Amino acid sequence: MAIEAIKEQETLSELAKRFEIHPQMISNWKREFISRGSEIFSTKAPDEEAVKREKALYEKIGRLEVTPPSPVHVPAPHN
């Protein structure tokens, strides 16, 4: 909706009627989008160390799931 307001192909009143929302809300969203738009769409490259740690953890989880439990020694009852 903010992008529609930025395009200015329709007035705020027309957009408000079409989206069934108060024109002031559209104006607020438009202003916020203009001031923070680059922040919203910026992407950060994944942290390589975090990716390595995550991969190692998933591998460890996989080994834990596949490894059968070790036998438990149960002492014989004393009669």
N, C-alpha and C. Protein backbone atom coordinates (compact mmCIF):
# COMPACT_ATOMS: atom_id res chain seq x y z
N MET A 1 0.82 -1.17 0.00
CA MET A 1 0.00 0.00 0.00
C MET A 1 0.88 1.25 0.00
N ALA A 2 1.97 1.23 0.74
CA ALA A 2 2.87 2.37 0.77
C ALA A 2 3.44 2.62 -0.62
N ILE A 3 3.74 1.55 -1.33
CA ILE A 3 4.28 1.70 -2.69
C ILE A 3 3.24 2.32 -3.61
N GLU A 4 2.00 1.91 -3.45
CA GLU A 4 0.91 2.52 -4.24
C GLU A 4 0.84 4.02 -3.96
N ALA A 5 0.99 4.41 -2.70
CA ALA A 5 0.95 5.82 -2.33
C ALA A 5 2.13 6.57 -2.92
N ILE A 6 3.29 5.92 -2.95
CA ILE A 6 4.49 6.56 -3.51
C ILE A 6 4.33 6.77 -5.01
N LYS A 7 3.69 5.84 -5.69
CA LYS A 7 3.47 5.96 -7.13
C LYS A 7 2.66 7.19 -7.47
N GLU A 8 1.77 7.59 -6.55
CA GLU A 8 0.90 8.75 -6.71
C GLU A 8 0.03 8.68 -7.96
N GLN A 9 -0.37 7.47 -8.33
CA GLN A 9 -1.31 7.29 -9.44
C GLN A 9 -2.74 7.49 -8.97
N GLU A 10 -2.94 7.39 -7.64
CA GLU A 10 -4.24 7.63 -7.03
C GLU A 10 -4.03 8.55 -5.83
N THR A 11 -5.05 9.31 -5.48
CA THR A 11 -4.96 10.17 -4.31
C THR A 11 -5.03 9.31 -3.05
N LEU A 12 -4.64 9.91 -1.92
CA LEU A 12 -4.74 9.19 -0.66
C LEU A 12 -6.18 8.79 -0.37
N SER A 13 -7.11 9.68 -0.72
CA SER A 13 -8.53 9.38 -0.51
C SER A 13 -8.97 8.17 -1.34
N GLU A 14 -8.51 8.11 -2.58
CA GLU A 14 -8.86 6.97 -3.44
C GLU A 14 -8.26 5.67 -2.90
N LEU A 15 -7.00 5.73 -2.48
CA LEU A 15 -6.36 4.55 -1.91
C LEU A 15 -7.05 4.12 -0.62
N ALA A 16 -7.41 5.10 0.21
CA ALA A 16 -8.09 4.81 1.47
C ALA A 16 -9.42 4.11 1.22
N LYS A 17 -10.13 4.58 0.22
CA LYS A 17 -11.41 3.95 -0.11
C LYS A 17 -11.20 2.55 -0.65
N ARG A 18 -10.22 2.39 -1.52
CA ARG A 18 -9.96 1.08 -2.13
C ARG A 18 -9.50 0.06 -1.10
N PHE A 19 -8.64 0.46 -0.18
CA PHE A 19 -8.11 -0.47 0.82
C PHE A 19 -8.88 -0.43 2.14
N GLU A 20 -9.90 0.41 2.18
CA GLU A 20 -10.75 0.54 3.37
C GLU A 20 -9.94 0.85 4.62
N ILE A 21 -9.16 1.91 4.55
CA ILE A 21 -8.31 2.33 5.66
C ILE A 21 -8.27 3.86 5.66
N HIS A 22 -7.99 4.44 6.80
CA HIS A 22 -7.96 5.90 6.93
C HIS A 22 -6.78 6.48 6.13
N PRO A 23 -7.00 7.58 5.43
CA PRO A 23 -5.92 8.19 4.63
C PRO A 23 -4.67 8.53 5.46
N GLN A 24 -4.86 8.91 6.72
CA GLN A 24 -3.71 9.26 7.56
C GLN A 24 -2.79 8.06 7.76
N MET A 25 -3.36 6.86 7.87
CA MET A 25 -2.54 5.65 8.01
C MET A 25 -1.67 5.46 6.76
N ILE A 26 -2.27 5.64 5.61
CA ILE A 26 -1.52 5.49 4.35
C ILE A 26 -0.40 6.51 4.30
N SER A 27 -0.70 7.72 4.70
CA SER A 27 0.30 8.79 4.72
C SER A 27 1.44 8.44 5.67
N ASN A 28 1.10 7.91 6.84
CA ASN A 28 2.13 7.51 7.81
C ASN A 28 3.00 6.39 7.25
N TRP A 29 2.37 5.40 6.65
CA TRP A 29 3.12 4.27 6.08
C TRP A 29 4.02 4.72 4.94
N LYS A 30 3.50 5.62 4.12
CA LYS A 30 4.29 6.15 3.00
C LYS A 30 5.53 6.87 3.53
N ARG A 31 5.33 7.73 4.53
CA ARG A 31 6.45 8.49 5.10
C ARG A 31 7.48 7.54 5.72
N GLU A 32 7.01 6.53 6.45
CA GLU A 32 7.94 5.58 7.06
C GLU A 32 8.67 4.76 6.00
N PHE A 33 7.96 4.37 4.96
CA PHE A 33 8.59 3.59 3.90
C PHE A 33 9.67 4.41 3.21
N ILE A 34 9.39 5.67 2.96
CA ILE A 34 10.38 6.53 2.31
C ILE A 34 11.61 6.70 3.20
N SER A 35 11.40 6.86 4.48
CA SER A 35 12.54 7.09 5.38
C SER A 35 13.31 5.80 5.71
N ARG A 36 12.63 4.64 5.68
CA ARG A 36 13.28 3.40 6.09
C ARG A 36 13.28 2.32 5.00
N GLY A 37 12.92 2.67 3.78
CA GLY A 37 12.81 1.68 2.71
C GLY A 37 14.08 0.90 2.46
N SER A 38 15.20 1.58 2.43
CA SER A 38 16.46 0.87 2.16
C SER A 38 16.78 -0.10 3.29
N GLU A 39 16.44 0.27 4.51
CA GLU A 39 16.66 -0.59 5.66
C GLU A 39 15.79 -1.85 5.57
N ILE A 40 14.58 -1.67 5.09
CA ILE A 40 13.64 -2.78 4.99
C ILE A 40 14.11 -3.81 3.95
N PHE A 41 14.63 -3.32 2.82
CA PHE A 41 14.99 -4.23 1.74
C PHE A 41 16.46 -4.61 1.70
N SER A 42 17.26 -4.10 2.63
CA SER A 42 18.68 -4.46 2.63
C SER A 42 18.82 -5.92 3.06
N THR A 43 19.76 -6.60 2.44
CA THR A 43 20.01 -7.99 2.80
C THR A 43 21.45 -8.09 3.27
N LYS A 44 21.64 -8.91 4.25
CA LYS A 44 22.99 -9.13 4.76
C LYS A 44 23.45 -10.50 4.33
N ALA A 45 24.72 -10.57 3.97
CA ALA A 45 25.30 -11.86 3.61
C ALA A 45 25.34 -12.73 4.86
N PRO A 46 25.11 -14.02 4.69
CA PRO A 46 25.15 -14.89 5.87
C PRO A 46 26.55 -14.92 6.47
N ASP A 47 26.62 -14.98 7.78
CA ASP A 47 27.87 -15.07 8.51
C ASP A 47 28.46 -16.46 8.26
N GLU A 48 29.62 -16.51 7.62
CA GLU A 48 30.21 -17.80 7.24
C GLU A 48 30.50 -18.68 8.46
N GLU A 49 30.96 -18.08 9.54
CA GLU A 49 31.24 -18.86 10.75
C GLU A 49 29.95 -19.44 11.32
N ALA A 50 28.89 -18.66 11.32
CA ALA A 50 27.60 -19.15 11.83
C ALA A 50 27.09 -20.29 10.96
N VAL A 51 27.28 -20.18 9.65
CA VAL A 51 26.84 -21.24 8.74
C VAL A 51 27.62 -22.53 9.04
N LYS A 52 28.94 -22.40 9.26
CA LYS A 52 29.77 -23.58 9.57
C LYS A 52 29.33 -24.22 10.89
N ARG A 53 29.07 -23.39 11.92
CA ARG A 53 28.62 -23.92 13.21
C ARG A 53 27.28 -24.62 13.08
N GLU A 54 26.38 -24.02 12.32
CA GLU A 54 25.06 -24.63 12.13
C GLU A 54 25.19 -25.98 11.42
N LYS A 55 26.03 -26.03 10.39
CA LYS A 55 26.23 -27.28 9.66
C LYS A 55 26.79 -28.36 10.59
N ALA A 56 27.78 -27.98 11.41
CA ALA A 56 28.38 -28.94 12.34
C ALA A 56 27.35 -29.45 13.35
N LEU A 57 26.49 -28.56 13.82
CA LEU A 57 25.46 -28.98 14.77
C LEU A 57 24.47 -29.94 14.14
N TYR A 58 24.06 -29.66 12.91
CA TYR A 58 23.13 -30.57 12.22
C TYR A 58 23.78 -31.94 11.98
N GLU A 59 25.06 -31.94 11.66
CA GLU A 59 25.76 -33.22 11.48
C GLU A 59 25.80 -33.99 12.79
N LYS A 60 26.07 -33.30 13.89
CA LYS A 60 26.11 -33.95 15.20
C LYS A 60 24.73 -34.49 15.57
N ILE A 61 23.70 -33.72 15.31
CA ILE A 61 22.34 -34.18 15.58
C ILE A 61 22.04 -35.43 14.76
N GLY A 62 22.45 -35.43 13.51
CA GLY A 62 22.24 -36.59 12.66
C GLY A 62 22.92 -37.83 13.20
N ARG A 63 24.16 -37.66 13.70
CA ARG A 63 24.87 -38.80 14.27
C ARG A 63 24.18 -39.28 15.54
N LEU A 64 23.70 -38.36 16.35
CA LEU A 64 23.02 -38.74 17.59
C LEU A 64 21.73 -39.50 17.30
N GLU A 65 21.04 -39.12 16.24
CA GLU A 65 19.79 -39.79 15.89
C GLU A 65 20.04 -41.19 15.35
N VAL A 66 21.18 -41.39 14.68
CA VAL A 66 21.47 -42.67 14.05
C VAL A 66 22.16 -43.63 15.01
N THR A 67 22.92 -43.13 15.95
CA THR A 67 23.68 -43.97 16.88
C THR A 67 22.73 -44.67 17.85
N PRO A 68 22.80 -46.01 17.89
CA PRO A 68 21.92 -46.72 18.84
C PRO A 68 22.37 -46.47 20.26
N PRO A 69 21.45 -46.53 21.19
CA PRO A 69 21.85 -46.31 22.58
C PRO A 69 22.76 -47.43 23.07
N SER A 70 23.70 -47.10 23.95
CA SER A 70 24.60 -48.13 24.48
C SER A 70 23.82 -49.00 25.46
N PRO A 71 24.18 -50.29 25.49
CA PRO A 71 23.46 -51.20 26.40
C PRO A 71 23.69 -50.80 27.84
N VAL A 72 22.67 -50.97 28.62
CA VAL A 72 22.73 -50.65 30.03
C VAL A 72 22.95 -51.94 30.81
N HIS A 73 23.93 -51.93 31.67
CA HIS A 73 24.22 -53.11 32.49
C HIS A 73 23.26 -53.13 33.67
N VAL A 74 22.49 -54.20 33.75
CA VAL A 74 21.55 -54.37 34.86
C VAL A 74 22.09 -55.49 35.73
N PRO A 75 22.42 -55.21 36.99
CA PRO A 75 22.97 -56.26 37.85
C PRO A 75 21.94 -57.37 38.09
N ALA A 76 22.46 -58.57 38.23
CA ALA A 76 21.59 -59.72 38.48
C ALA A 76 21.03 -59.62 39.89
N PRO A 77 19.80 -60.07 40.08
CA PRO A 77 19.19 -59.99 41.41
C PRO A 77 19.90 -60.96 42.37
N HIS A 78 20.04 -60.57 43.60
CA HIS A 78 20.67 -61.40 44.63
C HIS A 78 19.60 -62.23 45.34
N ASN A 79 19.73 -63.53 45.30
CA ASN A 79 18.77 -64.43 45.97
C ASN A 79 19.33 -65.04 47.20
